[in-house]
Amino acid sequence: MTHSLLVSVFCPDKKGLVAAITGCLFDLGANLGDTTFAVLGGGAEFSSVVDAPDDLTADALRSHLEQLPEIENGEITVAPFTLDTRHGPSGETTHNITIEGGDQPGLVARLSEAFIQYDANIVHLSAEATSDSGYTLRLAVNIPAGNADNCLATVANTAEGLQLRCSSEAV
């Protein structure tokens, strides 16, 4: 039998970090479910819902991760994951959207608000400040079929109003 754990690691970014974490999880018999990794400034964040063998406790898993030199000076959290490990239909990506341009306060808030009226769900979001004072926002979203055209038009119009470029594609 297995049980689900949420593993979260935040530490300075370094090469080999993902390999070290996932290798440790594999060696302990844990299987990755939904997983994300991102470089955030000079740091890195890894999060995963894992199926762990029943004899692997959250404390034992955290202890093994703490011994990895790649995570030195990192913050490690391992906790029971009590939600369903499978996402429902609104967690399936129907469209990918990329928005690019100059960075400005409130940009993500204004753009993400555009999805609410169309019953759309943001499945994954990544935002990156670029070296030229620009900003790139990538969204994986679930838009109900009957709302897709109007939702995408609203997002594009909102982006244009903020003097940003917007592109989208159905998945």
C-alpha atoms as a PDB file:
ATOM      1  CA  MET A   1       0.000   0.000   0.000  1.00  0.00           C
ATOM      2  CA  THR A   2       0.971   3.633  -0.382  1.00  0.00           C
ATOM      3  CA  HIS A   3       0.026   6.980   1.058  1.00  0.00           C
ATOM      4  CA  SER A   4       0.322  10.449  -0.430  1.00  0.00           C
ATOM      5  CA  LEU A   5       2.756  13.111   0.758  1.00  0.00           C
ATOM      6  CA  LEU A   6       3.326  16.692  -0.353  1.00  0.00           C
ATOM      7  CA  VAL A   7       7.051  17.369  -0.709  1.00  0.00           C
ATOM      8  CA  SER A   8       8.163  21.006  -0.945  1.00  0.00           C
ATOM      9  CA  VAL A   9      11.757  22.172  -1.211  1.00  0.00           C
ATOM     10  CA  PHE A  10      13.008  25.749  -1.469  1.00  0.00           C
ATOM     11  CA  CYS A  11      16.763  26.287  -1.609  1.00  0.00           C
ATOM     12  CA  PRO A  12      19.485  28.099  -3.531  1.00  0.00           C
ATOM     13  CA  ASP A  13      19.415  27.056  -7.181  1.00  0.00           C
ATOM     14  CA  LYS A  14      22.182  24.783  -8.354  1.00  0.00           C
ATOM     15  CA  LYS A  15      22.765  22.323 -11.143  1.00  0.00           C
ATOM     16  CA  GLY A  16      21.686  18.782 -10.372  1.00  0.00           C
ATOM     17  CA  LEU A  17      19.010  19.802  -7.864  1.00  0.00           C
ATOM     18  CA  VAL A  18      16.081  18.085  -9.603  1.00  0.00           C
ATOM     19  CA  ALA A  19      18.162  14.948 -10.197  1.00  0.00           C
ATOM     20  CA  ALA A  20      19.185  14.805  -6.527  1.00  0.00           C
ATOM     21  CA  ILE A  21      15.639  15.232  -5.190  1.00  0.00           C
ATOM     22  CA  THR A  22      13.957  12.858  -7.628  1.00  0.00           C
ATOM     23  CA  GLY A  23      16.756  10.306  -7.254  1.00  0.00           C
ATOM     24  CA  CYS A  24      16.307  10.332  -3.483  1.00  0.00           C
ATOM     25  CA  LEU A  25      12.543   9.902  -3.837  1.00  0.00           C
ATOM     26  CA  PHE A  26      13.042   7.009  -6.277  1.00  0.00           C
ATOM     27  CA  ASP A  27      15.578   5.304  -3.993  1.00  0.00           C
ATOM     28  CA  LEU A  28      13.035   5.463  -1.141  1.00  0.00           C
ATOM     29  CA  GLY A  29      10.309   3.901  -3.287  1.00  0.00           C
ATOM     30  CA  ALA A  30       8.273   7.082  -3.736  1.00  0.00           C
ATOM     31  CA  ASN A  31       6.534   7.710  -7.052  1.00  0.00           C
ATOM     32  CA  LEU A  32       6.065  11.239  -8.396  1.00  0.00           C
ATOM     33  CA  GLY A  33       2.581  12.546  -9.099  1.00  0.00           C
ATOM     34  CA  ASP A  34       1.877  16.159 -10.049  1.00  0.00           C
ATOM     35  CA  THR A  35       5.227  17.958  -9.798  1.00  0.00           C
ATOM     36  CA  THR A  36       6.513  21.477 -10.428  1.00  0.00           C
ATOM     37  CA  PHE A  37       9.982  22.999 -10.426  1.00  0.00           C
ATOM     38  CA  ALA A  38      10.923  26.623 -10.938  1.00  0.00           C
ATOM     39  CA  VAL A  39      13.916  28.877 -10.532  1.00  0.00           C
ATOM     40  CA  LEU A  40      12.816  31.897  -8.488  1.00  0.00           C
ATOM     41  CA  GLY A  41      15.497  34.573  -8.510  1.00  0.00           C
ATOM     42  CA  GLY A  42      18.587  32.890  -7.039  1.00  0.00           C
ATOM     43  CA  GLY A  43      16.455  30.174  -5.464  1.00  0.00           C
ATOM     44  CA  ALA A  44      14.625  27.125  -6.700  1.00  0.00           C
ATOM     45  CA  GLU A  45      11.325  25.583  -5.686  1.00  0.00           C
ATOM     46  CA  PHE A  46      10.373  21.929  -6.127  1.00  0.00           C
ATOM     47  CA  SER A  47       6.929  20.633  -5.159  1.00  0.00           C
ATOM     48  CA  SER A  48       5.457  17.212  -5.731  1.00  0.00           C
ATOM     49  CA  VAL A  49       2.620  15.011  -4.599  1.00  0.00           C
ATOM     50  CA  VAL A  50       4.244  11.612  -4.158  1.00  0.00           C
ATOM     51  CA  ASP A  51       2.902   8.151  -3.504  1.00  0.00           C
ATOM     52  CA  ALA A  52       5.124   6.806  -0.751  1.00  0.00           C
ATOM     53  CA  PRO A  53       5.366   3.295   0.665  1.00  0.00           C
ATOM     54  CA  ASP A  54       3.397   2.979   3.902  1.00  0.00           C
ATOM     55  CA  ASP A  55       6.600   2.429   5.890  1.00  0.00           C
ATOM     56  CA  LEU A  56       8.054   5.768   4.707  1.00  0.00           C
ATOM     57  CA  THR A  57       6.905   8.496   7.079  1.00  0.00           C
ATOM     58  CA  ALA A  58       6.927  12.210   6.349  1.00  0.00           C
ATOM     59  CA  ASP A  59       9.637  12.712   8.991  1.00  0.00           C
ATOM     60  CA  ALA A  60      11.827   9.961   7.547  1.00  0.00           C
ATOM     61  CA  LEU A  61      11.486  11.350   4.016  1.00  0.00           C
ATOM     62  CA  ARG A  62      12.337  14.877   5.217  1.00  0.00           C
ATOM     63  CA  SER A  63      15.386  13.475   7.032  1.00  0.00           C
ATOM     64  CA  HIS A  64      16.659  11.807   3.847  1.00  0.00           C
ATOM     65  CA  LEU A  65      16.175  14.999   1.821  1.00  0.00           C
ATOM     66  CA  GLU A  66      17.970  17.079   4.476  1.00  0.00           C
ATOM     67  CA  GLN A  67      21.082  14.955   3.902  1.00  0.00           C
ATOM     68  CA  LEU A  68      21.347  15.904   0.223  1.00  0.00           C
ATOM     69  CA  PRO A  69      24.227  18.368  -0.306  1.00  0.00           C
ATOM     70  CA  GLU A  70      22.268  19.998  -3.157  1.00  0.00           C
ATOM     71  CA  ILE A  71      19.628  21.170  -0.647  1.00  0.00           C
ATOM     72  CA  GLU A  72      22.062  22.599   1.895  1.00  0.00           C
ATOM     73  CA  ASN A  73      20.529  25.666   3.599  1.00  0.00           C
ATOM     74  CA  GLY A  74      17.141  24.820   2.113  1.00  0.00           C
ATOM     75  CA  GLU A  75      13.640  24.712   3.510  1.00  0.00           C
ATOM     76  CA  ILE A  76      12.079  21.256   3.290  1.00  0.00           C
ATOM     77  CA  THR A  77       8.470  20.460   4.113  1.00  0.00           C
ATOM     78  CA  VAL A  78       6.951  16.996   3.886  1.00  0.00           C
ATOM     79  CA  ALA A  79       3.337  16.608   4.962  1.00  0.00           C
ATOM     80  CA  PRO A  80       0.425  14.260   4.391  1.00  0.00           C
ATOM     81  CA  PHE A  81      -1.493  15.082   1.225  1.00  0.00           C
ATOM     82  CA  THR A  82      -5.142  14.547   2.089  1.00  0.00           C
ATOM     83  CA  LEU A  83      -6.783  15.830  -1.097  1.00  0.00           C
ATOM     84  CA  ASP A  84      -7.546  13.714  -4.138  1.00  0.00           C
ATOM     85  CA  THR A  85      -4.302  13.091  -6.045  1.00  0.00           C
ATOM     86  CA  ARG A  86      -6.128  13.242  -9.384  1.00  0.00           C
ATOM     87  CA  HIS A  87      -7.400  16.599 -10.589  1.00  0.00           C
ATOM     88  CA  GLY A  88     -10.888  16.970 -12.001  1.00  0.00           C
ATOM     89  CA  PRO A  89     -11.878  18.216 -15.449  1.00  0.00           C
ATOM     90  CA  SER A  90     -11.114  21.870 -14.601  1.00  0.00           C
ATOM     91  CA  GLY A  91      -7.493  20.833 -13.997  1.00  0.00           C
ATOM     92  CA  GLU A  92      -7.045  19.718 -17.609  1.00  0.00           C
ATOM     93  CA  THR A  93      -5.349  22.278 -19.867  1.00  0.00           C
ATOM     94  CA  THR A  94      -7.382  23.341 -22.890  1.00  0.00           C
ATOM     95  CA  HIS A  95      -5.302  26.384 -23.937  1.00  0.00           C
ATOM     96  CA  ASN A  96      -1.798  27.782 -23.519  1.00  0.00           C
ATOM     97  CA  ILE A  97      -1.486  31.564 -23.401  1.00  0.00           C
ATOM     98  CA  THR A  98       1.700  33.640 -23.550  1.00  0.00           C
ATOM     99  CA  ILE A  99       1.724  37.342 -22.708  1.00  0.00           C
ATOM    100  CA  GLU A 100       4.856  39.431 -23.191  1.00  0.00           C
ATOM    101  CA  GLY A 101       5.851  43.029 -22.762  1.00  0.00           C
ATOM    102  CA  GLY A 102       6.894  45.567 -20.188  1.00  0.00           C
ATOM    103  CA  ASP A 103       6.545  44.754 -16.512  1.00  0.00           C
ATOM    104  CA  GLN A 104       4.018  46.781 -14.537  1.00  0.00           C
ATOM    105  CA  PRO A 105       2.355  46.538 -11.120  1.00  0.00           C
ATOM    106  CA  GLY A 106      -0.891  44.555 -11.108  1.00  0.00           C
ATOM    107  CA  LEU A 107      -0.254  42.897 -14.474  1.00  0.00           C
ATOM    108  CA  VAL A 108      -0.881  39.311 -13.294  1.00  0.00           C
ATOM    109  CA  ALA A 109      -3.889  40.347 -11.196  1.00  0.00           C
ATOM    110  CA  ARG A 110      -5.575  42.204 -14.069  1.00  0.00           C
ATOM    111  CA  LEU A 111      -4.982  39.431 -16.562  1.00  0.00           C
ATOM    112  CA  SER A 112      -6.043  36.606 -14.237  1.00  0.00           C
ATOM    113  CA  GLU A 113      -9.275  38.431 -13.356  1.00  0.00           C
ATOM    114  CA  ALA A 114     -10.293  38.183 -17.013  1.00  0.00           C
ATOM    115  CA  PHE A 115     -10.820  34.421 -16.620  1.00  0.00           C
ATOM    116  CA  ILE A 116     -13.379  34.610 -13.814  1.00  0.00           C
ATOM    117  CA  GLN A 117     -16.420  35.663 -15.851  1.00  0.00           C
ATOM    118  CA  TYR A 118     -15.846  32.762 -18.289  1.00  0.00           C
ATOM    119  CA  ASP A 119     -15.653  30.047 -15.609  1.00  0.00           C
ATOM    120  CA  ALA A 120     -12.060  29.411 -16.682  1.00  0.00           C
ATOM    121  CA  ASN A 121      -9.462  27.890 -14.379  1.00  0.00           C
ATOM    122  CA  ILE A 122      -5.731  28.663 -14.371  1.00  0.00           C
ATOM    123  CA  VAL A 123      -4.049  25.248 -14.241  1.00  0.00           C
ATOM    124  CA  HIS A 124      -0.449  26.481 -14.284  1.00  0.00           C
ATOM    125  CA  LEU A 125       1.109  29.940 -14.270  1.00  0.00           C
ATOM    126  CA  SER A 126       4.701  31.000 -14.671  1.00  0.00           C
ATOM    127  CA  ALA A 127       5.924  34.561 -14.783  1.00  0.00           C
ATOM    128  CA  GLU A 128       9.427  35.726 -15.488  1.00  0.00           C
ATOM    129  CA  ALA A 129      11.033  39.126 -15.409  1.00  0.00           C
ATOM    130  CA  THR A 130      13.402  39.362 -18.369  1.00  0.00           C
ATOM    131  CA  SER A 131      16.798  41.054 -18.470  1.00  0.00           C
ATOM    132  CA  ASP A 132      15.429  43.905 -20.624  1.00  0.00           C
ATOM    133  CA  SER A 133      12.891  45.015 -17.944  1.00  0.00           C
ATOM    134  CA  GLY A 134      10.253  43.009 -19.737  1.00  0.00           C
ATOM    135  CA  TYR A 135       7.931  40.335 -18.469  1.00  0.00           C
ATOM    136  CA  THR A 136       6.743  37.004 -19.846  1.00  0.00           C
ATOM    137  CA  LEU A 137       3.626  35.369 -18.440  1.00  0.00           C
ATOM    138  CA  ARG A 138       2.736  31.830 -19.473  1.00  0.00           C
ATOM    139  CA  LEU A 139      -0.616  30.346 -18.537  1.00  0.00           C
ATOM    140  CA  ALA A 140      -2.024  26.871 -18.997  1.00  0.00           C
ATOM    141  CA  VAL A 141      -5.777  27.268 -18.586  1.00  0.00           C
ATOM    142  CA  ASN A 142      -8.984  25.293 -18.719  1.00  0.00           C
ATOM    143  CA  ILE A 143     -11.707  27.198 -20.553  1.00  0.00           C
ATOM    144  CA  PRO A 144     -15.117  25.569 -21.029  1.00  0.00           C
ATOM    145  CA  ALA A 145     -15.670  24.969 -24.762  1.00  0.00           C
ATOM    146  CA  GLY A 146     -18.574  27.391 -25.133  1.00  0.00           C
ATOM    147  CA  ASN A 147     -16.612  30.195 -23.459  1.00  0.00           C
ATOM    148  CA  ALA A 148     -13.239  29.806 -25.173  1.00  0.00           C
ATOM    149  CA  ASP A 149     -13.559  32.366 -27.994  1.00  0.00           C
ATOM    150  CA  ASN A 150     -14.947  35.135 -25.779  1.00  0.00           C
ATOM    151  CA  CYS A 151     -12.522  34.394 -22.952  1.00  0.00           C
ATOM    152  CA  LEU A 152      -9.478  34.441 -25.218  1.00  0.00           C
ATOM    153  CA  ALA A 153     -10.678  37.668 -26.853  1.00  0.00           C
ATOM    154  CA  THR A 154     -11.119  39.295 -23.422  1.00  0.00           C
ATOM    155  CA  VAL A 155      -7.644  38.197 -22.310  1.00  0.00           C
ATOM    156  CA  ALA A 156      -6.121  39.492 -25.569  1.00  0.00           C
ATOM    157  CA  ASN A 157      -7.983  42.826 -25.237  1.00  0.00           C
ATOM    158  CA  THR A 158      -6.871  43.171 -21.605  1.00  0.00           C
ATOM    159  CA  ALA A 159      -3.274  42.469 -22.612  1.00  0.00           C
ATOM    160  CA  GLU A 160      -3.495  44.975 -25.474  1.00  0.00           C
ATOM    161  CA  GLY A 161      -4.880  47.586 -23.084  1.00  0.00           C
ATOM    162  CA  LEU A 162      -1.766  47.039 -20.966  1.00  0.00           C
ATOM    163  CA  GLN A 163       0.394  47.391 -24.110  1.00  0.00           C
ATOM    164  CA  LEU A 164       1.361  43.699 -24.047  1.00  0.00           C
ATOM    165  CA  ARG A 165       1.520  41.040 -26.756  1.00  0.00           C
ATOM    166  CA  CYS A 166      -0.734  38.016 -26.362  1.00  0.00           C
ATOM    167  CA  SER A 167      -0.774  34.685 -28.175  1.00  0.00           C
ATOM    168  CA  SER A 168      -2.763  31.557 -27.477  1.00  0.00           C
ATOM    169  CA  GLU A 169      -3.181  28.053 -28.768  1.00  0.00           C
ATOM    170  CA  ALA A 170      -5.648  25.265 -28.121  1.00  0.00           C
ATOM    171  CA  VAL A 171      -4.130  22.129 -26.687  1.00  0.00           C
END
